[in-house]
Amino acid sequence: MLRVLIIAFTLCGFNAHAQVLDRLDDWSEARGWEGVGLLNINGGATCTGALIRPDVVLTAAHCLYNRSGRREEPATIQFFAAWRDGQAIAKRTGKHALIHPDYTPTQTPSGADIYSDLALLQIDFPVSTDTARAFETGEWDEGKTVNVVSYGAGRNDAASIEEGCTLIKDYGGVFAFDCSIVPGSSGSPVFVMDRSGPRIISVISALGGDRTAYGMDISHHIKALLADLDSGRGVYPATVSGIKRVTVGNRSQNGGALFLKP
């Protein structure tokens, strides 16, 4: 497993390797990426998250903890889909959360910590598919470049996309990327593109001392995490009968962009 100096995002303050970032300045540029949004945690810290079901946001587990290592309650977390310049196409609040059972919060994460740094946030109301389509998840296709869509320090006003960065190495389920990452980019989805569209293969977790970004291979975890979410196992606040999977049609519940302040 990975043996390298890892610096938690809350402690680092520099970019990864220099790459070209494109700010998604208008709704036409953001089309297809609406399922990526800004997470506001308890009115303070921010992370990035992505819809993988109409009512489920995928992010990094460490985003759900405060600096003292206390777990934040889902109701204190807000998801702003396609947040840009004070507007979002949907605003949702956390209802339940599930953190990978092997994850332990730490300010000095190891490769094993990165491997399990995943969480699911079930939101209070699903986002309709004509507002923001949830992303597929899956495995990395060897040889393919990757795209990252992220928020972060100095660029929280809108999502930025970096296309064509490289998966440098697979350390047994921990991926190393040469993507441009800053504090607040935690939880950002890493995509490969195929004929059906973007597919999430990883979530940004940490930054190395050599300014390399790291994330896990989510194909090792995602099916089990979704099964646990549906059954209620490990979910908080606890549920009696588990969480029913929600299916959403194409009828919009939103009249347009919301003017919000995270």
Protein backbone atom coordinates (compact mmCIF):
# COMPACT_ATOMS: atom_id res chain seq x y z
CA MET A 1 0.00 0.00 0.00
CA LEU A 2 1.01 3.59 -0.48
CA ARG A 3 3.90 4.81 1.65
CA VAL A 4 4.29 8.55 1.10
CA LEU A 5 3.98 11.74 3.10
CA ILE A 6 0.32 12.74 2.98
CA ILE A 7 -0.88 16.16 4.08
CA ALA A 8 -4.55 16.58 4.98
CA PHE A 9 -6.40 19.22 2.95
CA THR A 10 -7.21 21.16 6.09
CA LEU A 11 -3.47 21.67 6.62
CA CYS A 12 -2.16 22.29 3.14
CA GLY A 13 -2.24 25.51 1.17
CA PHE A 14 -0.77 24.93 -2.26
CA ASN A 15 -1.81 23.58 -5.64
CA ALA A 16 -0.88 20.27 -7.13
CA HIS A 17 0.99 20.07 -10.44
CA ALA A 18 0.21 22.99 -12.70
CA GLN A 19 -2.71 22.11 -14.95
CA VAL A 20 -5.21 24.06 -17.01
CA LEU A 21 -8.44 24.64 -15.09
CA ASP A 22 -11.58 25.82 -16.83
CA ARG A 23 -14.10 27.66 -14.69
CA LEU A 24 -17.65 26.67 -15.57
CA ASP A 25 -18.75 30.27 -16.03
CA ASP A 26 -22.28 29.81 -17.32
CA TRP A 27 -25.02 27.22 -17.37
CA SER A 28 -24.20 26.11 -20.90
CA GLU A 29 -20.63 25.26 -19.88
CA ALA A 30 -21.89 23.45 -16.79
CA ARG A 31 -24.33 21.30 -18.77
CA GLY A 32 -23.75 17.66 -17.95
CA TRP A 33 -21.90 18.49 -14.73
CA GLU A 34 -24.91 19.77 -12.75
CA GLY A 35 -24.69 16.77 -10.42
CA VAL A 36 -21.46 18.12 -8.94
CA GLY A 37 -22.07 20.56 -6.12
CA LEU A 38 -20.67 22.46 -3.18
CA LEU A 39 -21.09 20.94 0.27
CA ASN A 40 -21.37 23.39 3.15
CA ILE A 41 -20.66 21.67 6.45
CA ASN A 42 -22.22 23.22 9.53
CA GLY A 43 -21.97 26.72 8.11
CA GLY A 44 -18.18 26.63 7.94
CA ALA A 45 -15.99 24.23 6.00
CA THR A 46 -16.76 23.31 2.41
CA CYS A 47 -16.11 20.24 0.28
CA THR A 48 -17.22 18.97 -3.10
CA GLY A 49 -19.80 16.24 -3.64
CA ALA A 50 -21.52 14.51 -6.55
CA LEU A 51 -24.90 12.89 -7.02
CA ILE A 52 -24.74 9.14 -7.65
CA ARG A 53 -28.48 8.72 -7.10
CA PRO A 54 -31.14 11.43 -7.17
CA ASP A 55 -31.07 11.43 -3.36
CA VAL A 56 -27.47 10.36 -2.61
CA VAL A 57 -24.31 12.49 -2.68
CA LEU A 58 -20.87 10.87 -2.78
CA THR A 59 -18.02 12.67 -1.01
CA ALA A 60 -14.94 12.09 1.16
CA ALA A 61 -15.55 10.74 4.66
CA HIS A 62 -13.24 13.29 6.28
CA CYS A 63 -15.57 16.06 5.06
CA LEU A 64 -18.13 14.83 7.58
CA TYR A 65 -15.83 15.45 10.56
CA ASN A 66 -14.77 18.69 12.20
CA ARG A 67 -11.20 19.54 13.21
CA SER A 68 -11.64 17.94 16.64
CA GLY A 69 -12.64 14.64 15.04
CA ARG A 70 -16.32 14.94 15.89
CA ARG A 71 -18.77 13.65 13.32
CA GLU A 72 -21.10 16.29 11.90
CA GLU A 73 -24.82 15.62 11.84
CA PRO A 74 -26.33 15.25 8.35
CA ALA A 75 -28.89 17.97 9.05
CA THR A 76 -26.02 20.49 9.36
CA ILE A 77 -24.76 19.73 5.83
CA GLN A 78 -26.15 21.42 2.72
CA PHE A 79 -25.63 20.39 -0.89
CA PHE A 80 -25.74 23.14 -3.54
CA ALA A 81 -25.98 21.49 -6.96
CA ALA A 82 -24.04 23.33 -9.70
CA TRP A 83 -23.26 26.21 -7.35
CA ARG A 84 -22.12 29.29 -9.30
CA ASP A 85 -21.87 32.94 -8.30
CA GLY A 86 -24.48 32.74 -5.55
CA GLN A 87 -26.88 30.51 -7.48
CA ALA A 88 -27.64 26.80 -7.41
CA ILE A 89 -30.04 24.76 -9.47
CA ALA A 90 -31.02 22.82 -6.34
CA LYS A 91 -30.41 23.17 -2.63
CA ARG A 92 -30.73 20.13 -0.39
CA THR A 93 -30.06 19.31 3.26
CA GLY A 94 -28.60 16.10 4.60
CA LYS A 95 -31.00 13.59 6.10
CA HIS A 96 -28.84 10.51 6.73
CA ALA A 97 -25.19 9.70 6.26
CA LEU A 98 -23.02 6.62 5.95
CA ILE A 99 -19.26 6.65 6.49
CA HIS A 100 -17.08 3.78 5.28
CA PRO A 101 -16.88 1.37 8.25
CA ASP A 102 -13.07 1.23 8.12
CA TYR A 103 -12.54 4.98 8.11
CA THR A 104 -11.03 6.74 11.15
CA PRO A 105 -10.57 10.53 11.08
CA THR A 106 -6.96 11.73 11.23
CA GLN A 107 -4.97 14.83 10.32
CA THR A 108 -2.11 12.69 8.95
CA PRO A 109 -3.82 10.13 6.69
CA SER A 110 -2.01 7.03 5.51
CA GLY A 111 -2.69 5.04 2.37
CA ALA A 112 -5.14 2.87 4.34
CA ASP A 113 -7.00 6.00 5.48
CA ILE A 114 -7.29 7.26 1.90
CA TYR A 115 -8.49 3.84 0.75
CA SER A 116 -11.55 4.09 3.04
CA ASP A 117 -12.13 7.86 2.87
CA LEU A 118 -15.65 7.61 1.42
CA ALA A 119 -19.07 8.72 2.62
CA LEU A 120 -22.63 8.85 1.33
CA LEU A 121 -25.00 11.66 2.23
CA GLN A 122 -28.68 11.00 1.69
CA ILE A 123 -30.40 14.32 1.08
CA ASP A 124 -33.84 15.34 2.29
CA PHE A 125 -35.44 15.42 -1.15
CA PRO A 126 -34.23 13.88 -4.43
CA VAL A 127 -33.02 16.10 -7.24
CA SER A 128 -35.07 15.45 -10.37
CA THR A 129 -33.22 14.04 -13.34
CA ASP A 130 -34.10 16.95 -15.60
CA THR A 131 -32.44 19.28 -13.08
CA ALA A 132 -29.24 17.34 -12.43
CA ARG A 133 -28.59 13.80 -13.56
CA ALA A 134 -26.83 11.48 -11.12
CA PHE A 135 -23.53 10.03 -12.29
CA GLU A 136 -22.64 6.42 -12.89
CA THR A 137 -19.76 4.90 -10.96
CA GLY A 138 -17.33 2.22 -12.01
CA GLU A 139 -13.78 1.13 -12.68
CA TRP A 140 -10.94 3.00 -14.31
CA ASP A 141 -10.14 1.99 -17.86
CA GLU A 142 -6.38 1.59 -17.97
CA GLY A 143 -4.71 4.12 -20.21
CA LYS A 144 -7.56 6.64 -20.12
CA THR A 145 -6.98 10.15 -18.87
CA VAL A 146 -9.30 11.51 -16.20
CA ASN A 147 -11.30 14.68 -15.55
CA VAL A 148 -11.86 16.32 -12.18
CA VAL A 149 -14.69 18.73 -11.37
CA SER A 150 -14.08 20.58 -8.13
CA TYR A 151 -14.61 23.53 -5.87
CA GLY A 152 -11.90 24.74 -3.51
CA ALA A 153 -10.13 27.62 -1.82
CA GLY A 154 -10.08 30.63 -4.10
CA ARG A 155 -12.52 29.02 -6.54
CA ASN A 156 -15.62 28.27 -4.48
CA ASP A 157 -17.69 30.71 -6.55
CA ALA A 158 -18.03 28.15 -9.33
CA ALA A 159 -16.96 24.65 -10.18
CA SER A 160 -13.81 24.19 -12.24
CA ILE A 161 -13.09 21.32 -14.59
CA GLU A 162 -9.67 19.94 -15.36
CA GLU A 163 -9.62 17.65 -18.36
CA GLY A 164 -6.92 15.22 -19.36
CA CYS A 165 -4.97 14.82 -16.14
CA THR A 166 -3.30 11.49 -15.52
CA LEU A 167 -3.73 8.59 -13.16
CA ILE A 168 -0.05 8.18 -12.37
CA LYS A 169 -0.15 4.98 -10.36
CA ASP A 170 -2.48 2.53 -8.64
CA TYR A 171 -1.18 1.64 -5.18
CA GLY A 172 -3.49 -1.33 -4.64
CA GLY A 173 -6.73 0.61 -4.57
CA VAL A 174 -5.27 4.07 -3.89
CA PHE A 175 -4.87 6.19 -7.01
CA ALA A 176 -2.27 8.92 -7.53
CA PHE A 177 -3.23 11.78 -9.90
CA ASP A 178 -1.43 14.80 -11.32
CA CYS A 179 -4.60 16.91 -11.04
CA SER A 180 -4.72 20.46 -9.66
CA ILE A 181 -6.07 20.30 -6.12
CA VAL A 182 -6.52 22.93 -3.38
CA PRO A 183 -8.04 22.95 0.13
CA GLY A 184 -11.79 22.46 -0.25
CA SER A 185 -11.35 20.10 -3.19
CA SER A 186 -11.85 17.15 -0.86
CA GLY A 187 -14.64 14.92 -2.13
CA SER A 188 -14.25 16.03 -5.75
CA PRO A 189 -15.28 13.33 -8.22
CA VAL A 190 -12.70 11.97 -10.66
CA PHE A 191 -14.24 10.91 -13.97
CA VAL A 192 -13.43 8.84 -16.99
CA MET A 193 -15.43 9.47 -20.13
CA ASP A 194 -17.07 6.74 -22.16
CA ARG A 195 -19.86 6.49 -24.70
CA SER A 196 -22.56 6.78 -22.05
CA GLY A 197 -20.99 9.88 -20.50
CA PRO A 198 -18.88 10.63 -17.41
CA ARG A 199 -18.31 7.86 -14.88
CA ILE A 200 -16.90 8.43 -11.38
CA ILE A 201 -13.91 6.23 -10.58
CA SER A 202 -12.49 8.01 -7.53
CA VAL A 203 -12.97 10.78 -4.99
CA ILE A 204 -10.18 13.20 -4.07
CA SER A 205 -8.98 12.55 -0.53
CA ALA A 206 -5.53 14.02 0.14
CA LEU A 207 -2.47 15.77 -1.18
CA GLY A 208 1.05 14.35 -0.98
CA GLY A 209 4.24 16.12 0.00
CA ASP A 210 5.19 15.97 -3.69
CA ARG A 211 1.91 17.78 -4.56
CA THR A 212 0.34 14.68 -6.03
CA ALA A 213 -3.39 14.21 -5.43
CA TYR A 214 -4.69 10.94 -4.03
CA GLY A 215 -8.03 9.18 -4.06
CA MET A 216 -9.40 5.68 -3.71
CA ASP A 217 -10.65 3.21 -6.29
CA ILE A 218 -14.35 3.47 -5.51
CA SER A 219 -15.13 0.26 -7.39
CA HIS A 220 -13.73 -1.54 -4.33
CA HIS A 221 -16.39 -0.03 -2.09
CA ILE A 222 -19.42 1.52 -3.77
CA LYS A 223 -21.71 -1.50 -4.09
CA ALA A 224 -21.30 -2.44 -0.43
CA LEU A 225 -21.79 1.14 0.73
CA LEU A 226 -24.99 1.55 -1.26
CA ALA A 227 -26.28 -1.79 0.06
CA ASP A 228 -25.56 -0.65 3.62
CA LEU A 229 -27.31 2.66 2.96
CA ASP A 230 -30.39 0.87 1.65
CA SER A 231 -30.49 -1.54 4.60
CA GLY A 232 -29.73 1.11 7.21
CA ARG A 233 -26.55 -0.61 8.40
CA GLY A 234 -24.12 1.96 9.81
CA VAL A 235 -26.40 4.83 8.82
CA TYR A 236 -26.78 7.82 11.12
CA PRO A 237 -29.10 9.04 12.46
CA ALA A 238 -30.16 5.42 12.82
CA THR A 239 -33.16 4.17 10.86
CA VAL A 240 -35.51 1.41 11.92
CA SER A 241 -36.24 -0.17 8.57
CA GLY A 242 -33.43 1.14 6.38
CA ILE A 243 -33.56 3.74 3.65
CA LYS A 244 -35.80 3.22 0.67
CA ARG A 245 -34.16 3.89 -2.64
CA VAL A 246 -35.81 6.79 -4.41
CA THR A 247 -36.59 6.87 -8.12
CA VAL A 248 -37.24 10.26 -9.65
CA GLY A 249 -38.99 11.03 -12.90
CA ASN A 250 -38.32 13.90 -15.23
CA ARG A 251 -40.84 16.34 -13.83
CA SER A 252 -38.91 19.24 -12.39
CA GLN A 253 -39.44 20.33 -8.77
CA ASN A 254 -37.52 23.53 -9.36
CA GLY A 255 -38.58 26.62 -11.20
CA GLY A 256 -35.03 27.60 -12.07
CA ALA A 257 -31.85 28.65 -10.36
CA LEU A 258 -32.08 29.44 -6.67
CA PHE A 259 -30.32 32.49 -5.25
CA LEU A 260 -28.51 31.13 -2.24
CA LYS A 261 -25.69 31.92 0.10
CA PRO A 262 -23.85 28.87 1.45
